[in-house]
Protein backbone atom coordinates (compact mmCIF):
# COMPACT_ATOMS: atom_id res chain seq x y z
CA MET A 1 17.28 4.47 -5.74
CA GLN A 2 15.07 1.40 -5.80
CA GLN A 3 15.07 -0.28 -2.39
CA PRO A 4 15.03 -4.02 -1.54
CA VAL A 5 11.66 -5.57 -2.30
CA ARG A 6 9.17 -5.68 0.53
CA ILE A 7 5.97 -7.72 0.53
CA ALA A 8 2.81 -6.23 2.01
CA PRO A 9 0.02 -8.82 2.30
CA SER A 10 -3.39 -7.19 2.02
CA ILE A 11 -5.68 -8.41 4.76
CA LEU A 12 -8.61 -7.72 2.44
CA SER A 13 -8.05 -11.32 1.31
CA ALA A 14 -7.60 -12.75 4.82
CA ASP A 15 -10.17 -14.67 6.85
CA PHE A 16 -12.15 -11.81 8.43
CA ALA A 17 -13.50 -14.14 11.10
CA ASN A 18 -9.93 -14.71 12.29
CA LEU A 19 -8.03 -11.52 11.46
CA GLY A 20 -5.72 -11.49 14.46
CA ALA A 21 -4.47 -14.99 13.74
CA GLU A 22 -4.13 -14.18 10.04
CA VAL A 23 -1.96 -11.14 10.79
CA ARG A 24 0.22 -13.22 13.11
CA ALA A 25 0.52 -15.91 10.44
CA VAL A 26 1.69 -13.63 7.63
CA ASP A 27 4.02 -11.84 10.04
CA ALA A 28 5.64 -15.17 10.92
CA ALA A 29 5.68 -16.16 7.23
CA GLY A 30 7.93 -13.23 6.36
CA ALA A 31 5.68 -10.30 5.50
CA ASP A 32 7.43 -6.93 5.70
CA TYR A 33 4.33 -4.75 5.94
CA ILE A 34 0.71 -5.46 6.82
CA HIS A 35 -1.42 -3.71 4.19
CA ILE A 36 -4.82 -2.57 5.46
CA ASP A 37 -7.40 -1.47 2.89
CA VAL A 38 -9.96 0.96 4.29
CA MET A 39 -13.03 1.49 2.08
CA ASP A 40 -16.09 3.62 2.71
CA GLY A 41 -18.67 2.47 0.16
CA HIS A 42 -18.60 6.00 -1.27
CA PHE A 43 -15.15 6.72 -2.70
CA VAL A 44 -14.97 3.05 -3.70
CA PRO A 45 -17.82 0.53 -4.03
CA ASN A 46 -17.10 -1.54 -0.95
CA LEU A 47 -17.10 -1.30 2.85
CA THR A 48 -14.28 -2.74 4.94
CA ILE A 49 -12.88 -1.66 8.31
CA GLY A 50 -12.37 1.36 10.55
CA PRO A 51 -9.86 2.52 13.17
CA MET A 52 -11.21 0.20 15.86
CA VAL A 53 -10.20 -2.86 13.83
CA VAL A 54 -6.73 -1.41 13.18
CA GLN A 55 -6.37 -0.80 16.92
CA ALA A 56 -7.50 -4.34 17.68
CA LEU A 57 -4.95 -5.78 15.24
CA ARG A 58 -2.04 -3.67 16.41
CA PRO A 59 -0.98 -5.99 19.28
CA HIS A 60 -0.79 -8.94 16.86
CA SER A 61 2.23 -7.65 14.90
CA ALA A 62 5.12 -5.23 15.23
CA LYS A 63 5.44 -5.02 11.44
CA VAL A 64 4.69 -1.79 9.60
CA PHE A 65 0.95 -1.15 9.33
CA ASP A 66 0.52 0.22 5.81
CA VAL A 67 -2.96 1.78 5.86
CA HIS A 68 -4.53 2.74 2.53
CA LEU A 69 -7.48 5.09 2.99
CA MET A 70 -10.00 4.81 0.16
CA ILE A 71 -12.42 7.20 1.84
CA SER A 72 -13.72 10.66 1.06
CA PRO A 73 -13.55 13.19 2.57
CA VAL A 74 -10.41 11.75 4.12
CA ASP A 75 -9.03 14.44 6.44
CA ALA A 76 -11.47 13.85 9.28
CA PHE A 77 -10.34 10.21 9.62
CA VAL A 78 -6.56 10.62 9.45
CA ALA A 79 -6.04 11.24 13.17
CA GLY A 80 -8.18 8.26 14.13
CA PHE A 81 -6.12 5.84 12.05
CA ALA A 82 -2.88 7.39 13.28
CA LYS A 83 -3.98 6.90 16.88
CA ALA A 84 -5.11 3.34 16.10
CA GLY A 85 -1.57 2.34 15.14
CA ALA A 86 -1.03 3.06 11.44
CA ASP A 87 2.62 3.59 10.48
CA ILE A 88 2.03 4.70 6.89
CA ILE A 89 -1.17 6.46 5.85
CA THR A 90 -1.85 6.68 2.12
CA VAL A 91 -4.54 8.89 0.61
CA HIS A 92 -5.91 9.64 -2.85
CA PRO A 93 -5.62 13.09 -4.45
CA GLU A 94 -9.33 12.91 -5.26
CA ALA A 95 -10.32 12.25 -1.63
CA GLY A 96 -10.03 15.81 -0.39
CA PRO A 97 -9.72 19.39 -1.62
CA HIS A 98 -6.11 19.99 -0.53
CA LEU A 99 -3.69 17.08 -0.99
CA HIS A 100 -0.70 19.04 0.30
CA ARG A 101 -2.54 19.90 3.52
CA THR A 102 -3.57 16.26 4.01
CA LEU A 103 0.03 15.08 3.65
CA GLN A 104 1.15 17.72 6.12
CA LEU A 105 -1.50 16.48 8.55
CA ILE A 106 -0.32 12.88 8.30
CA ARG A 107 3.29 13.86 8.91
CA SER A 108 2.36 16.16 11.79
CA LEU A 109 1.00 13.06 13.55
CA GLY A 110 4.38 11.34 13.25
CA LYS A 111 3.33 9.02 10.43
CA LYS A 112 4.71 8.42 6.96
CA ALA A 113 2.56 9.90 4.20
CA GLY A 114 1.63 8.20 0.95
CA VAL A 115 -0.23 9.20 -2.21
CA ALA A 116 -2.21 6.62 -4.20
CA LEU A 117 -2.79 6.98 -7.94
CA ASN A 118 -5.77 5.20 -9.46
CA PRO A 119 -5.32 3.77 -12.98
CA ALA A 120 -6.66 6.95 -14.64
CA THR A 121 -4.94 9.39 -12.26
CA PRO A 122 -2.02 11.11 -14.04
CA VAL A 123 1.51 11.21 -12.65
CA SER A 124 1.32 15.03 -12.82
CA VAL A 125 -0.66 15.09 -9.54
CA LEU A 126 2.69 14.51 -7.85
CA ASP A 127 4.30 17.64 -9.30
CA TYR A 128 4.12 19.79 -6.19
CA VAL A 129 4.02 17.21 -3.39
CA MET A 130 7.19 15.17 -3.96
CA ASP A 131 8.84 16.86 -0.99
CA ASP A 132 5.99 15.73 1.25
CA VAL A 133 5.62 12.04 0.41
CA ASP A 134 7.26 8.95 1.84
CA MET A 135 5.45 6.49 -0.42
CA ILE A 136 3.73 6.54 -3.80
CA LEU A 137 1.19 3.80 -4.45
CA VAL A 138 0.28 2.85 -8.01
CA MET A 139 -3.08 1.16 -8.19
CA SER A 140 -2.82 -1.43 -10.96
CA VAL A 141 -6.55 -2.18 -10.62
CA ASN A 142 -9.49 0.08 -9.94
CA PRO A 143 -9.84 0.15 -6.15
CA GLY A 144 -12.71 -1.44 -4.31
CA PHE A 145 -12.32 -5.20 -4.59
CA GLY A 146 -9.65 -7.85 -4.35
CA GLY A 147 -8.97 -10.50 -6.97
CA GLN A 148 -8.88 -8.20 -10.01
CA SER A 149 -6.46 -8.48 -12.96
CA PHE A 150 -3.41 -6.24 -13.35
CA ILE A 151 -3.96 -3.33 -15.79
CA ASN A 152 -0.96 -3.41 -18.14
CA SER A 153 -0.96 0.33 -18.82
CA GLN A 154 0.21 0.88 -15.26
CA LYS A 155 3.67 -0.50 -16.07
CA ASP A 156 4.49 2.76 -17.86
CA LYS A 157 3.22 4.74 -14.88
CA ILE A 158 5.43 2.76 -12.50
CA ARG A 159 8.45 3.47 -14.71
CA ALA A 160 7.64 7.17 -14.92
CA ILE A 161 7.27 7.47 -11.15
CA ARG A 162 10.50 5.53 -10.55
CA GLN A 163 12.34 8.06 -12.72
CA ARG A 164 10.75 10.90 -10.81
CA ILE A 165 11.60 9.42 -7.42
CA ASP A 166 15.21 8.80 -8.42
CA ALA A 167 15.59 12.36 -9.74
CA VAL A 168 14.17 13.91 -6.56
CA THR A 169 16.10 11.74 -4.09
CA ALA A 170 19.48 11.51 -5.86
CA GLY A 171 22.29 12.46 -3.52
CA THR A 172 19.96 13.30 -0.64
CA GLY A 173 19.80 10.01 1.26
CA ARG A 174 16.04 10.34 1.20
CA VAL A 175 13.84 7.31 0.50
CA ILE A 176 10.46 7.33 -1.23
CA ASP A 177 8.91 3.88 -1.56
CA LEU A 178 7.14 2.91 -4.77
CA GLU A 179 4.32 0.51 -4.01
CA VAL A 180 2.10 -1.37 -6.46
CA ASP A 181 -1.29 -2.80 -5.55
CA GLY A 182 -3.60 -4.83 -7.74
CA GLY A 183 -3.39 -8.18 -9.47
CA ILE A 184 0.10 -8.91 -8.16
CA ASN A 185 1.05 -12.59 -8.21
CA ALA A 186 4.23 -14.62 -8.63
CA GLU A 187 4.18 -14.07 -12.40
CA LEU A 188 3.54 -10.32 -12.33
CA ALA A 189 5.70 -9.46 -9.32
CA PRO A 190 8.93 -9.50 -11.40
CA VAL A 191 7.25 -7.25 -13.97
CA ALA A 192 6.35 -4.66 -11.34
CA ILE A 193 9.82 -4.87 -9.78
CA ALA A 194 11.52 -4.46 -13.17
CA ALA A 195 9.41 -1.35 -13.77
CA GLY A 196 10.67 0.14 -10.50
CA ALA A 197 8.40 -1.02 -7.68
CA ASP A 198 9.96 -1.91 -4.34
CA VAL A 199 6.85 -2.64 -2.26
CA LEU A 200 4.32 -5.19 -3.54
CA VAL A 201 0.82 -5.47 -2.14
CA ALA A 202 -0.61 -8.93 -2.60
CA GLY A 203 -3.86 -10.20 -1.18
CA THR A 204 -5.07 -13.27 -3.02
CA ALA A 205 -1.52 -14.34 -3.93
CA THR A 206 -0.46 -14.26 -0.27
CA PHE A 207 -3.49 -15.74 1.46
CA GLN A 208 -4.36 -18.55 -0.96
CA GLY A 209 -3.81 -22.03 0.40
CA GLY A 210 -4.16 -21.18 4.08
CA PRO A 211 -1.53 -20.38 6.73
CA GLU A 212 0.71 -23.32 5.88
CA ALA A 213 1.21 -21.85 2.38
CA TYR A 214 1.89 -18.22 3.35
CA ALA A 215 5.69 -18.48 3.64
CA ASP A 216 6.03 -20.12 0.22
CA ASN A 217 3.61 -17.61 -1.29
CA ILE A 218 5.66 -14.69 0.03
CA ARG A 219 8.93 -16.25 -1.17
CA ARG A 220 7.50 -16.64 -4.68
CA LEU A 221 6.44 -12.99 -4.70
CA ARG A 222 9.95 -11.85 -3.74
CA GLY A 223 11.37 -13.88 -6.62
CA PRO A 224 15.08 -14.27 -7.41
CA LEU A 225 16.00 -10.83 -6.02
CA VAL A 226 16.13 -12.32 -2.50
């Protein structure tokens, strides 16, 4: 079943000259997860951070580090991010030859495993890995940059995945989070939640206005469900 809404500020929109303080600020403001976007300039057209930055940030927050790997080939980097302090490691089906093996690797390191679906990636990629995932991430923009607009076609994908999660987990006590990332703001957060999302990634909508605004920004993203 759909879980209580959690907010995962994406540090892609934070002040990179002051990342430690930014992580502490959103933690104090009520963030549930810290979302860390890792990009390689190859799988997506941008370069961001590596395991050393994740390790450096780890002492600044005890919140869940939700690490989204937009890198290919991905397998060689999984252990490094696990050691650096990631709690959830999410990968793309297109980022390696054997998705099932990659998910097994993540879990073997004691971490939760996620699968990210780009806007054009079909839900059918999940057919044979539902038993091996702890999170499914729907990208509601094409990955690579912050500040993009929500792609409306992804609402149907969120609904379809919610139905699939509920069917697989019914009566088992098992939880699979459904996360949405891309263009989420106070107006679109209720739309994503109504479609079935229970984790919302928000970069620009969280970090706009500076640290004094973060708590109000996060409250607006949660909406009336809190």
